[in-house]
């Protein structure tokens, strides 16, 4: 008799939790554990469920995620945390397997894994390989801007954007985190191994889901002389073995790149545009896919020894 993996989603009513639940509903070999509406806020009931699970997804605010971790006493319960709380913790693997074989192995063997933030996913997908290949140094001073769908703000922001009586300001792209204190900055700097946090400008836009993270650089700021094609080649080599990445042919994108082109999918596209002097490094994906629930499912698959792509949609725009 086959034993099913018992999965509990702590915070199943939030945007990420609902997406994970939808993805797992038809999984073979999975038993989804649940709580009634009354039990969801009962710490005793939550503790029992957490300790009954093989994998517990935490789809909670940071403080609540920290509390849930403290409730786990079963050494066999493994945690996948989608909050910001543990992304630079030494006790959690960082859930971005494509960064290196070390990262993938850490996820596979970890008791606890932290899912990367959506903006950080795009930034690290672009910057980590260039530091690894010697094009950028740890002392690089970088800038980054990110266009994202409003679903990244959770239920409250979704309701604001979809309110028929909303203010006209919601029809315009809106820059936020103006004080340079965005919650993803810590992992962007630390996981990349940078001495300085990037100047980061996130922009929420009037579309539901999708994301485009851009790191602009001057070629003079590179540690070694390189043409944009050289950076493109570095990405092509880095991600050649990953089904989750597509490196767009150099020169194929020279007019427009829509931020929501990968909405509803779980992969990530990389593009290098510009010229000999000014270069744009671009990562495009779904903030709810590779930027949240899709990445969480990918981590679960690795931790359970399943096909990494199981339950995920990898499709590239034509």
C-alpha atoms as a PDB file:
ATOM      1  CA  UNK A   1       0.000   0.000   0.000  1.00  0.00           C
ATOM      2  CA  UNK A   2       1.419   3.356  -1.099  1.00  0.00           C
ATOM      3  CA  UNK A   3       1.861   6.008   1.592  1.00  0.00           C
ATOM      4  CA  UNK A   4       0.688   9.476   0.655  1.00  0.00           C
ATOM      5  CA  UNK A   5       2.657  12.589   1.555  1.00  0.00           C
ATOM      6  CA  UNK A   6       0.609  14.631   4.011  1.00  0.00           C
ATOM      7  CA  UNK A   7       0.567  18.316   3.092  1.00  0.00           C
ATOM      8  CA  UNK A   8      -0.725  21.170   5.238  1.00  0.00           C
ATOM      9  CA  UNK A   9      -1.078  24.777   4.048  1.00  0.00           C
ATOM     10  CA  UNK A  10      -0.952  27.156   7.004  1.00  0.00           C
ATOM     11  CA  UNK A  11      -2.605  30.272   5.622  1.00  0.00           C
ATOM     12  CA  UNK A  12      -4.566  28.586   2.863  1.00  0.00           C
ATOM     13  CA  UNK A  13      -6.955  31.523   2.410  1.00  0.00           C
ATOM     14  CA  UNK A  14      -4.358  34.007   1.186  1.00  0.00           C
ATOM     15  CA  UNK A  15      -3.436  34.512  -2.471  1.00  0.00           C
ATOM     16  CA  UNK A  16      -0.380  32.228  -2.396  1.00  0.00           C
ATOM     17  CA  UNK A  17      -2.050  29.634  -0.163  1.00  0.00           C
ATOM     18  CA  UNK A  18      -5.070  29.397  -2.459  1.00  0.00           C
ATOM     19  CA  UNK A  19      -2.836  28.954  -5.499  1.00  0.00           C
ATOM     20  CA  UNK A  20      -0.844  26.195  -3.811  1.00  0.00           C
ATOM     21  CA  UNK A  21      -4.072  24.458  -2.750  1.00  0.00           C
ATOM     22  CA  UNK A  22      -5.425  24.615  -6.304  1.00  0.00           C
ATOM     23  CA  UNK A  23      -2.219  23.141  -7.699  1.00  0.00           C
ATOM     24  CA  UNK A  24      -2.120  20.283  -5.190  1.00  0.00           C
ATOM     25  CA  UNK A  25      -5.799  19.355  -5.366  1.00  0.00           C
ATOM     26  CA  UNK A  26      -5.244  16.884  -8.221  1.00  0.00           C
ATOM     27  CA  UNK A  27      -1.791  15.631  -7.194  1.00  0.00           C
ATOM     28  CA  UNK A  28      -1.506  11.848  -6.929  1.00  0.00           C
ATOM     29  CA  UNK A  29       0.214  10.662  -3.755  1.00  0.00           C
ATOM     30  CA  UNK A  30      -0.792  13.762  -1.788  1.00  0.00           C
ATOM     31  CA  UNK A  31      -3.146  13.987   1.172  1.00  0.00           C
ATOM     32  CA  UNK A  32      -4.149  17.593   1.837  1.00  0.00           C
ATOM     33  CA  UNK A  33      -4.713  18.269   5.516  1.00  0.00           C
ATOM     34  CA  UNK A  34      -7.071  21.061   6.491  1.00  0.00           C
ATOM     35  CA  UNK A  35      -8.664  23.032   9.299  1.00  0.00           C
ATOM     36  CA  UNK A  36     -12.176  24.329   9.676  1.00  0.00           C
ATOM     37  CA  UNK A  37     -12.783  28.076   9.644  1.00  0.00           C
ATOM     38  CA  UNK A  38     -12.942  28.092  13.460  1.00  0.00           C
ATOM     39  CA  UNK A  39      -9.777  26.022  13.863  1.00  0.00           C
ATOM     40  CA  UNK A  40      -7.644  28.213  11.580  1.00  0.00           C
ATOM     41  CA  UNK A  41      -7.084  30.722  14.390  1.00  0.00           C
ATOM     42  CA  UNK A  42      -6.732  28.093  17.115  1.00  0.00           C
ATOM     43  CA  UNK A  43      -3.008  27.627  17.903  1.00  0.00           C
ATOM     44  CA  UNK A  44      -3.622  24.173  19.391  1.00  0.00           C
ATOM     45  CA  UNK A  45      -5.381  22.952  16.238  1.00  0.00           C
ATOM     46  CA  UNK A  46      -2.712  24.539  14.027  1.00  0.00           C
ATOM     47  CA  UNK A  47       0.059  22.952  16.074  1.00  0.00           C
ATOM     48  CA  UNK A  48      -1.538  19.526  15.751  1.00  0.00           C
ATOM     49  CA  UNK A  49      -1.876  19.894  11.994  1.00  0.00           C
ATOM     50  CA  UNK A  50       1.662  21.229  11.543  1.00  0.00           C
ATOM     51  CA  UNK A  51       3.064  18.254  13.415  1.00  0.00           C
ATOM     52  CA  UNK A  52       0.918  15.813  11.434  1.00  0.00           C
ATOM     53  CA  UNK A  53       2.297  16.983   8.090  1.00  0.00           C
ATOM     54  CA  UNK A  54       5.212  15.739   6.040  1.00  0.00           C
ATOM     55  CA  UNK A  55       5.364  19.146   4.328  1.00  0.00           C
ATOM     56  CA  UNK A  56       3.861  22.323   5.801  1.00  0.00           C
ATOM     57  CA  UNK A  57       3.559  25.366   3.564  1.00  0.00           C
ATOM     58  CA  UNK A  58       3.542  28.649   5.492  1.00  0.00           C
ATOM     59  CA  UNK A  59       1.573  31.285   3.576  1.00  0.00           C
ATOM     60  CA  UNK A  60       1.464  33.810   6.385  1.00  0.00           C
ATOM     61  CA  UNK A  61       2.717  37.230   7.484  1.00  0.00           C
ATOM     62  CA  UNK A  62       6.246  37.130   8.895  1.00  0.00           C
ATOM     63  CA  UNK A  63       5.333  37.086  12.591  1.00  0.00           C
ATOM     64  CA  UNK A  64       2.782  34.322  12.101  1.00  0.00           C
ATOM     65  CA  UNK A  65       5.286  32.282  10.073  1.00  0.00           C
ATOM     66  CA  UNK A  66       7.846  32.576  12.881  1.00  0.00           C
ATOM     67  CA  UNK A  67       5.186  31.434  15.350  1.00  0.00           C
ATOM     68  CA  UNK A  68       4.310  28.421  13.166  1.00  0.00           C
ATOM     69  CA  UNK A  69       7.946  27.343  12.995  1.00  0.00           C
ATOM     70  CA  UNK A  70       8.098  27.469  16.795  1.00  0.00           C
ATOM     71  CA  UNK A  71       5.075  25.127  16.990  1.00  0.00           C
ATOM     72  CA  UNK A  72       6.746  22.348  15.006  1.00  0.00           C
ATOM     73  CA  UNK A  73       8.061  19.582  17.269  1.00  0.00           C
ATOM     74  CA  UNK A  74       7.894  16.661  14.849  1.00  0.00           C
ATOM     75  CA  UNK A  75      11.402  16.099  13.400  1.00  0.00           C
ATOM     76  CA  UNK A  76       9.793  14.694  10.250  1.00  0.00           C
ATOM     77  CA  UNK A  77       7.755  17.809   9.463  1.00  0.00           C
ATOM     78  CA  UNK A  78       9.465  19.847   6.753  1.00  0.00           C
ATOM     79  CA  UNK A  79       8.580  23.483   6.196  1.00  0.00           C
ATOM     80  CA  UNK A  80       8.309  25.556   3.025  1.00  0.00           C
ATOM     81  CA  UNK A  81       7.917  29.177   4.081  1.00  0.00           C
ATOM     82  CA  UNK A  82       6.631  31.687   1.505  1.00  0.00           C
ATOM     83  CA  UNK A  83       6.988  34.683   3.830  1.00  0.00           C
ATOM     84  CA  UNK A  84       9.968  37.037   4.159  1.00  0.00           C
ATOM     85  CA  UNK A  85      10.788  35.792   7.657  1.00  0.00           C
ATOM     86  CA  UNK A  86      13.463  33.158   6.967  1.00  0.00           C
ATOM     87  CA  UNK A  87      14.968  33.969   3.561  1.00  0.00           C
ATOM     88  CA  UNK A  88      18.417  34.801   4.895  1.00  0.00           C
ATOM     89  CA  UNK A  89      18.282  32.409   7.853  1.00  0.00           C
ATOM     90  CA  UNK A  90      21.056  29.821   8.099  1.00  0.00           C
ATOM     91  CA  UNK A  91      18.430  27.318   9.250  1.00  0.00           C
ATOM     92  CA  UNK A  92      16.525  27.539   5.962  1.00  0.00           C
ATOM     93  CA  UNK A  93      17.618  26.575   2.467  1.00  0.00           C
ATOM     94  CA  UNK A  94      17.059  29.354  -0.055  1.00  0.00           C
ATOM     95  CA  UNK A  95      14.517  27.991  -2.518  1.00  0.00           C
ATOM     96  CA  UNK A  96      16.094  28.992  -5.830  1.00  0.00           C
ATOM     97  CA  UNK A  97      17.541  25.733  -7.243  1.00  0.00           C
ATOM     98  CA  UNK A  98      18.774  27.283 -10.499  1.00  0.00           C
ATOM     99  CA  UNK A  99      21.286  29.526  -8.738  1.00  0.00           C
ATOM    100  CA  UNK A 100      23.708  26.617  -8.236  1.00  0.00           C
ATOM    101  CA  UNK A 101      23.911  22.890  -7.630  1.00  0.00           C
ATOM    102  CA  UNK A 102      24.642  23.747  -4.002  1.00  0.00           C
ATOM    103  CA  UNK A 103      21.309  25.559  -3.726  1.00  0.00           C
ATOM    104  CA  UNK A 104      19.450  22.653  -5.312  1.00  0.00           C
ATOM    105  CA  UNK A 105      21.135  20.131  -3.024  1.00  0.00           C
ATOM    106  CA  UNK A 106      20.337  22.277   0.003  1.00  0.00           C
ATOM    107  CA  UNK A 107      16.648  22.319  -0.913  1.00  0.00           C
ATOM    108  CA  UNK A 108      16.624  18.563  -1.507  1.00  0.00           C
ATOM    109  CA  UNK A 109      18.160  17.825   1.893  1.00  0.00           C
ATOM    110  CA  UNK A 110      16.658  20.657   3.949  1.00  0.00           C
ATOM    111  CA  UNK A 111      14.232  20.331   6.791  1.00  0.00           C
ATOM    112  CA  UNK A 112      13.173  23.934   6.105  1.00  0.00           C
ATOM    113  CA  UNK A 113      13.140  25.941   2.869  1.00  0.00           C
ATOM    114  CA  UNK A 114      12.354  29.615   2.279  1.00  0.00           C
ATOM    115  CA  UNK A 115      10.726  30.539  -1.043  1.00  0.00           C
ATOM    116  CA  UNK A 116      12.380  33.621  -2.628  1.00  0.00           C
ATOM    117  CA  UNK A 117      10.523  36.898  -2.957  1.00  0.00           C
ATOM    118  CA  UNK A 118       9.178  37.702  -6.407  1.00  0.00           C
ATOM    119  CA  UNK A 119      11.311  40.816  -7.018  1.00  0.00           C
ATOM    120  CA  UNK A 120      14.344  39.054  -5.564  1.00  0.00           C
ATOM    121  CA  UNK A 121      13.796  36.131  -7.959  1.00  0.00           C
ATOM    122  CA  UNK A 122      14.195  38.384 -10.982  1.00  0.00           C
ATOM    123  CA  UNK A 123      17.109  40.340  -9.525  1.00  0.00           C
ATOM    124  CA  UNK A 124      19.065  37.247  -8.491  1.00  0.00           C
ATOM    125  CA  UNK A 125      18.367  35.446 -11.773  1.00  0.00           C
ATOM    126  CA  UNK A 126      20.132  38.349 -13.474  1.00  0.00           C
ATOM    127  CA  UNK A 127      22.880  39.321 -11.039  1.00  0.00           C
ATOM    128  CA  UNK A 128      24.002  36.024  -9.486  1.00  0.00           C
ATOM    129  CA  UNK A 129      25.324  34.529 -12.775  1.00  0.00           C
ATOM    130  CA  UNK A 130      27.270  37.693 -13.632  1.00  0.00           C
ATOM    131  CA  UNK A 131      29.000  37.726 -10.249  1.00  0.00           C
ATOM    132  CA  UNK A 132      29.664  34.010 -10.603  1.00  0.00           C
ATOM    133  CA  UNK A 133      31.208  34.557 -14.073  1.00  0.00           C
ATOM    134  CA  UNK A 134      33.284  37.543 -12.960  1.00  0.00           C
ATOM    135  CA  UNK A 135      31.468  40.241 -14.946  1.00  0.00           C
ATOM    136  CA  UNK A 136      30.350  41.949 -11.722  1.00  0.00           C
ATOM    137  CA  UNK A 137      32.137  42.152  -8.389  1.00  0.00           C
ATOM    138  CA  UNK A 138      30.712  42.022  -4.894  1.00  0.00           C
ATOM    139  CA  UNK A 139      31.327  45.781  -4.602  1.00  0.00           C
ATOM    140  CA  UNK A 140      29.059  46.560  -7.584  1.00  0.00           C
ATOM    141  CA  UNK A 141      26.577  49.366  -6.990  1.00  0.00           C
ATOM    142  CA  UNK A 142      23.471  48.384  -8.887  1.00  0.00           C
ATOM    143  CA  UNK A 143      20.043  49.757  -9.628  1.00  0.00           C
ATOM    144  CA  UNK A 144      16.896  47.771 -10.333  1.00  0.00           C
ATOM    145  CA  UNK A 145      13.313  48.502 -11.259  1.00  0.00           C
ATOM    146  CA  UNK A 146      10.473  46.024 -11.321  1.00  0.00           C
ATOM    147  CA  UNK A 147       7.035  46.156 -12.959  1.00  0.00           C
ATOM    148  CA  UNK A 148       4.504  43.880 -11.287  1.00  0.00           C
ATOM    149  CA  UNK A 149       0.837  42.985 -11.400  1.00  0.00           C
ATOM    150  CA  UNK A 150      -1.339  44.077  -8.505  1.00  0.00           C
ATOM    151  CA  UNK A 151      -1.954  40.513  -7.278  1.00  0.00           C
ATOM    152  CA  UNK A 152       1.468  40.705  -5.604  1.00  0.00           C
ATOM    153  CA  UNK A 153      -0.102  42.919  -2.962  1.00  0.00           C
ATOM    154  CA  UNK A 154      -2.436  40.153  -1.776  1.00  0.00           C
ATOM    155  CA  UNK A 155      -6.170  40.199  -1.173  1.00  0.00           C
ATOM    156  CA  UNK A 156      -6.318  43.794   0.064  1.00  0.00           C
ATOM    157  CA  UNK A 157      -4.594  45.231  -3.000  1.00  0.00           C
ATOM    158  CA  UNK A 158      -6.541  42.981  -5.365  1.00  0.00           C
ATOM    159  CA  UNK A 159      -9.775  44.314  -3.863  1.00  0.00           C
ATOM    160  CA  UNK A 160      -8.564  47.910  -4.262  1.00  0.00           C
ATOM    161  CA  UNK A 161      -7.679  47.443  -7.923  1.00  0.00           C
ATOM    162  CA  UNK A 162     -10.854  45.541  -8.776  1.00  0.00           C
ATOM    163  CA  UNK A 163     -13.214  47.925  -6.966  1.00  0.00           C
ATOM    164  CA  UNK A 164     -15.580  49.514  -9.503  1.00  0.00           C
ATOM    165  CA  UNK A 165     -15.385  52.801  -7.624  1.00  0.00           C
ATOM    166  CA  UNK A 166     -11.598  52.885  -7.390  1.00  0.00           C
ATOM    167  CA  UNK A 167      -9.615  56.103  -7.667  1.00  0.00           C
ATOM    168  CA  UNK A 168      -8.174  57.033 -11.051  1.00  0.00           C
ATOM    169  CA  UNK A 169      -4.664  56.634  -9.579  1.00  0.00           C
ATOM    170  CA  UNK A 170      -5.069  52.840  -9.797  1.00  0.00           C
ATOM    171  CA  UNK A 171      -5.152  53.126 -13.594  1.00  0.00           C
ATOM    172  CA  UNK A 172      -1.569  54.392 -13.583  1.00  0.00           C
ATOM    173  CA  UNK A 173       1.682  52.568 -12.787  1.00  0.00           C
ATOM    174  CA  UNK A 174       2.576  53.421  -9.179  1.00  0.00           C
ATOM    175  CA  UNK A 175       6.083  53.565  -7.763  1.00  0.00           C
ATOM    176  CA  UNK A 176       6.280  52.398  -4.145  1.00  0.00           C
ATOM    177  CA  UNK A 177       8.812  51.637  -1.361  1.00  0.00           C
ATOM    178  CA  UNK A 178      10.139  55.146  -1.948  1.00  0.00           C
ATOM    179  CA  UNK A 179      12.252  55.108   1.224  1.00  0.00           C
ATOM    180  CA  UNK A 180      14.371  52.220  -0.140  1.00  0.00           C
ATOM    181  CA  UNK A 181      13.235  49.863   2.623  1.00  0.00           C
ATOM    182  CA  UNK A 182      11.500  47.203   0.563  1.00  0.00           C
ATOM    183  CA  UNK A 183      11.325  43.849   2.364  1.00  0.00           C
ATOM    184  CA  UNK A 184      13.054  42.000  -0.513  1.00  0.00           C
ATOM    185  CA  UNK A 185      16.207  44.128  -0.374  1.00  0.00           C
ATOM    186  CA  UNK A 186      17.802  42.022   2.340  1.00  0.00           C
ATOM    187  CA  UNK A 187      17.755  38.806   0.316  1.00  0.00           C
ATOM    188  CA  UNK A 188      18.626  40.617  -2.931  1.00  0.00           C
ATOM    189  CA  UNK A 189      21.835  41.884  -1.333  1.00  0.00           C
ATOM    190  CA  UNK A 190      22.759  38.896   0.833  1.00  0.00           C
ATOM    191  CA  UNK A 191      22.021  36.020  -1.532  1.00  0.00           C
ATOM    192  CA  UNK A 192      23.866  37.819  -4.343  1.00  0.00           C
ATOM    193  CA  UNK A 193      26.789  38.488  -1.983  1.00  0.00           C
ATOM    194  CA  UNK A 194      26.783  42.241  -2.598  1.00  0.00           C
ATOM    195  CA  UNK A 195      28.397  44.779  -0.298  1.00  0.00           C
ATOM    196  CA  UNK A 196      25.690  47.316  -1.125  1.00  0.00           C
ATOM    197  CA  UNK A 197      21.960  46.877  -1.501  1.00  0.00           C
ATOM    198  CA  UNK A 198      20.728  47.952  -4.943  1.00  0.00           C
ATOM    199  CA  UNK A 199      18.737  51.129  -5.449  1.00  0.00           C
ATOM    200  CA  UNK A 200      15.402  49.412  -5.995  1.00  0.00           C
ATOM    201  CA  UNK A 201      12.278  50.896  -7.571  1.00  0.00           C
ATOM    202  CA  UNK A 202       9.271  48.539  -7.608  1.00  0.00           C
ATOM    203  CA  UNK A 203       6.259  49.644  -9.655  1.00  0.00           C
ATOM    204  CA  UNK A 204       2.782  48.138  -9.294  1.00  0.00           C
ATOM    205  CA  UNK A 205       0.680  48.225 -12.471  1.00  0.00           C
ATOM    206  CA  UNK A 206      -2.929  47.785 -13.524  1.00  0.00           C
ATOM    207  CA  UNK A 207      -2.789  44.144 -14.600  1.00  0.00           C
ATOM    208  CA  UNK A 208      -3.480  41.103 -12.436  1.00  0.00           C
ATOM    209  CA  UNK A 209      -0.295  39.066 -12.671  1.00  0.00           C
ATOM    210  CA  UNK A 210       3.047  39.097 -14.394  1.00  0.00           C
ATOM    211  CA  UNK A 211       6.402  40.684 -13.691  1.00  0.00           C
ATOM    212  CA  UNK A 212       9.402  42.251 -15.388  1.00  0.00           C
ATOM    213  CA  UNK A 213      12.544  42.933 -13.358  1.00  0.00           C
ATOM    214  CA  UNK A 214      15.211  45.105 -14.999  1.00  0.00           C
ATOM    215  CA  UNK A 215      18.812  45.748 -13.944  1.00  0.00           C
ATOM    216  CA  UNK A 216      20.346  48.505 -16.115  1.00  0.00           C
ATOM    217  CA  UNK A 217      24.132  48.699 -16.237  1.00  0.00           C
ATOM    218  CA  UNK A 218      26.818  50.632 -18.086  1.00  0.00           C
ATOM    219  CA  UNK A 219      29.393  48.419 -19.765  1.00  0.00           C
ATOM    220  CA  UNK A 220      32.103  50.510 -18.045  1.00  0.00           C
ATOM    221  CA  UNK A 221      30.856  49.232 -14.682  1.00  0.00           C
ATOM    222  CA  UNK A 222      31.668  45.628 -15.589  1.00  0.00           C
ATOM    223  CA  UNK A 223      34.794  44.114 -14.058  1.00  0.00           C
ATOM    224  CA  UNK A 224      35.981  42.909 -17.459  1.00  0.00           C
ATOM    225  CA  UNK A 225      35.353  44.203 -20.940  1.00  0.00           C
ATOM    226  CA  UNK A 226      32.298  42.604 -22.458  1.00  0.00           C
ATOM    227  CA  UNK A 227      29.732  43.060 -25.203  1.00  0.00           C
ATOM    228  CA  UNK A 228      26.056  42.488 -24.355  1.00  0.00           C
ATOM    229  CA  UNK A 229      26.359  39.255 -26.374  1.00  0.00           C
ATOM    230  CA  UNK A 230      28.909  38.008 -23.842  1.00  0.00           C
ATOM    231  CA  UNK A 231      26.430  38.505 -21.008  1.00  0.00           C
ATOM    232  CA  UNK A 232      23.767  36.768 -23.072  1.00  0.00           C
ATOM    233  CA  UNK A 233      26.128  33.830 -23.586  1.00  0.00           C
ATOM    234  CA  UNK A 234      26.776  33.655 -19.834  1.00  0.00           C
ATOM    235  CA  UNK A 235      23.033  33.368 -19.169  1.00  0.00           C
ATOM    236  CA  UNK A 236      22.554  30.829 -21.955  1.00  0.00           C
ATOM    237  CA  UNK A 237      25.259  28.640 -20.440  1.00  0.00           C
ATOM    238  CA  UNK A 238      24.050  29.130 -16.873  1.00  0.00           C
ATOM    239  CA  UNK A 239      20.454  28.154 -17.550  1.00  0.00           C
ATOM    240  CA  UNK A 240      20.910  25.686 -20.429  1.00  0.00           C
ATOM    241  CA  UNK A 241      20.025  22.677 -18.257  1.00  0.00           C
ATOM    242  CA  UNK A 242      16.921  24.206 -16.672  1.00  0.00           C
ATOM    243  CA  UNK A 243      13.436  23.626 -18.061  1.00  0.00           C
ATOM    244  CA  UNK A 244      12.268  26.599 -16.012  1.00  0.00           C
ATOM    245  CA  UNK A 245      14.373  29.153 -17.894  1.00  0.00           C
ATOM    246  CA  UNK A 246      14.345  30.468 -21.438  1.00  0.00           C
ATOM    247  CA  UNK A 247      17.100  32.834 -22.538  1.00  0.00           C
ATOM    248  CA  UNK A 248      15.614  34.903 -25.351  1.00  0.00           C
ATOM    249  CA  UNK A 249      17.700  35.075 -28.518  1.00  0.00           C
ATOM    250  CA  UNK A 250      19.915  38.161 -28.504  1.00  0.00           C
ATOM    251  CA  UNK A 251      18.355  40.948 -30.586  1.00  0.00           C
ATOM    252  CA  UNK A 252      14.929  39.302 -30.699  1.00  0.00           C
ATOM    253  CA  UNK A 253      13.505  41.889 -28.309  1.00  0.00           C
ATOM    254  CA  UNK A 254      14.198  45.397 -29.607  1.00  0.00           C
ATOM    255  CA  UNK A 255      10.834  47.176 -29.397  1.00  0.00           C
ATOM    256  CA  UNK A 256       8.497  46.205 -26.546  1.00  0.00           C
ATOM    257  CA  UNK A 257       8.497  43.595 -23.779  1.00  0.00           C
ATOM    258  CA  UNK A 258       5.160  43.144 -22.048  1.00  0.00           C
ATOM    259  CA  UNK A 259       5.369  42.534 -18.304  1.00  0.00           C
ATOM    260  CA  UNK A 260       2.405  40.162 -18.206  1.00  0.00           C
ATOM    261  CA  UNK A 261       3.386  37.895 -21.115  1.00  0.00           C
ATOM    262  CA  UNK A 262       4.092  34.939 -18.780  1.00  0.00           C
ATOM    263  CA  UNK A 263       1.007  35.365 -16.599  1.00  0.00           C
ATOM    264  CA  UNK A 264      -0.362  31.968 -15.586  1.00  0.00           C
ATOM    265  CA  UNK A 265       2.932  30.124 -16.126  1.00  0.00           C
ATOM    266  CA  UNK A 266       5.807  28.988 -13.902  1.00  0.00           C
ATOM    267  CA  UNK A 267       8.903  29.663 -15.985  1.00  0.00           C
ATOM    268  CA  UNK A 268      11.170  32.677 -16.323  1.00  0.00           C
ATOM    269  CA  UNK A 269      12.604  34.389 -19.389  1.00  0.00           C
ATOM    270  CA  UNK A 270      15.930  36.213 -19.495  1.00  0.00           C
ATOM    271  CA  UNK A 271      16.776  38.906 -22.051  1.00  0.00           C
ATOM    272  CA  UNK A 272      19.792  41.132 -22.662  1.00  0.00           C
ATOM    273  CA  UNK A 273      19.152  44.319 -24.634  1.00  0.00           C
ATOM    274  CA  UNK A 274      21.006  47.541 -25.349  1.00  0.00           C
ATOM    275  CA  UNK A 275      24.320  48.380 -26.978  1.00  0.00           C
ATOM    276  CA  UNK A 276      28.056  48.501 -26.325  1.00  0.00           C
ATOM    277  CA  UNK A 277      27.656  51.197 -23.650  1.00  0.00           C
ATOM    278  CA  UNK A 278      24.224  50.807 -22.038  1.00  0.00           C
ATOM    279  CA  UNK A 279      22.738  47.405 -21.258  1.00  0.00           C
ATOM    280  CA  UNK A 280      19.416  46.242 -19.828  1.00  0.00           C
ATOM    281  CA  UNK A 281      19.257  42.865 -18.097  1.00  0.00           C
ATOM    282  CA  UNK A 282      15.634  41.680 -18.010  1.00  0.00           C
ATOM    283  CA  UNK A 283      13.841  38.843 -16.202  1.00  0.00           C
ATOM    284  CA  UNK A 284      10.193  38.203 -17.051  1.00  0.00           C
ATOM    285  CA  UNK A 285       7.896  35.789 -15.204  1.00  0.00           C
ATOM    286  CA  UNK A 286       4.635  35.537 -13.240  1.00  0.00           C
ATOM    287  CA  UNK A 287       4.773  36.996  -9.737  1.00  0.00           C
ATOM    288  CA  UNK A 288       2.265  34.303  -8.668  1.00  0.00           C
ATOM    289  CA  UNK A 289       4.122  31.520 -10.502  1.00  0.00           C
ATOM    290  CA  UNK A 290       7.911  31.392 -10.372  1.00  0.00           C
ATOM    291  CA  UNK A 291       7.595  34.390  -8.040  1.00  0.00           C
ATOM    292  CA  UNK A 292       5.441  32.605  -5.424  1.00  0.00           C
ATOM    293  CA  UNK A 293       3.282  29.444  -5.547  1.00  0.00           C
ATOM    294  CA  UNK A 294       5.012  27.902  -8.552  1.00  0.00           C
ATOM    295  CA  UNK A 295       8.395  28.240  -6.857  1.00  0.00           C
ATOM    296  CA  UNK A 296       6.931  26.735  -3.664  1.00  0.00           C
ATOM    297  CA  UNK A 297       5.639  23.681  -5.555  1.00  0.00           C
ATOM    298  CA  UNK A 298       8.995  23.310  -7.328  1.00  0.00           C
ATOM    299  CA  UNK A 299      10.735  23.268  -3.936  1.00  0.00           C
ATOM    300  CA  UNK A 300       8.264  20.676  -2.637  1.00  0.00           C
ATOM    301  CA  UNK A 301       8.912  18.469  -5.656  1.00  0.00           C
ATOM    302  CA  UNK A 302      12.657  18.617  -5.035  1.00  0.00           C
ATOM    303  CA  UNK A 303      12.266  17.927  -1.308  1.00  0.00           C
ATOM    304  CA  UNK A 304      10.055  14.898  -1.984  1.00  0.00           C
ATOM    305  CA  UNK A 305      12.211  13.534  -4.795  1.00  0.00           C
ATOM    306  CA  UNK A 306       9.486  14.083  -7.409  1.00  0.00           C
ATOM    307  CA  UNK A 307       9.775  15.355 -10.963  1.00  0.00           C
ATOM    308  CA  UNK A 308      10.749  19.004 -10.478  1.00  0.00           C
ATOM    309  CA  UNK A 309       8.196  20.140 -13.080  1.00  0.00           C
ATOM    310  CA  UNK A 310       5.265  18.194 -11.644  1.00  0.00           C
ATOM    311  CA  UNK A 311       2.080  20.260 -11.433  1.00  0.00           C
ATOM    312  CA  UNK A 312       3.744  23.277 -13.046  1.00  0.00           C
ATOM    313  CA  UNK A 313       3.093  25.014 -16.370  1.00  0.00           C
ATOM    314  CA  UNK A 314       6.113  25.818 -18.533  1.00  0.00           C
ATOM    315  CA  UNK A 315       5.051  27.646 -21.666  1.00  0.00           C
ATOM    316  CA  UNK A 316       6.809  30.450 -23.524  1.00  0.00           C
ATOM    317  CA  UNK A 317       5.069  33.234 -25.482  1.00  0.00           C
ATOM    318  CA  UNK A 318       5.492  33.035 -29.265  1.00  0.00           C
END
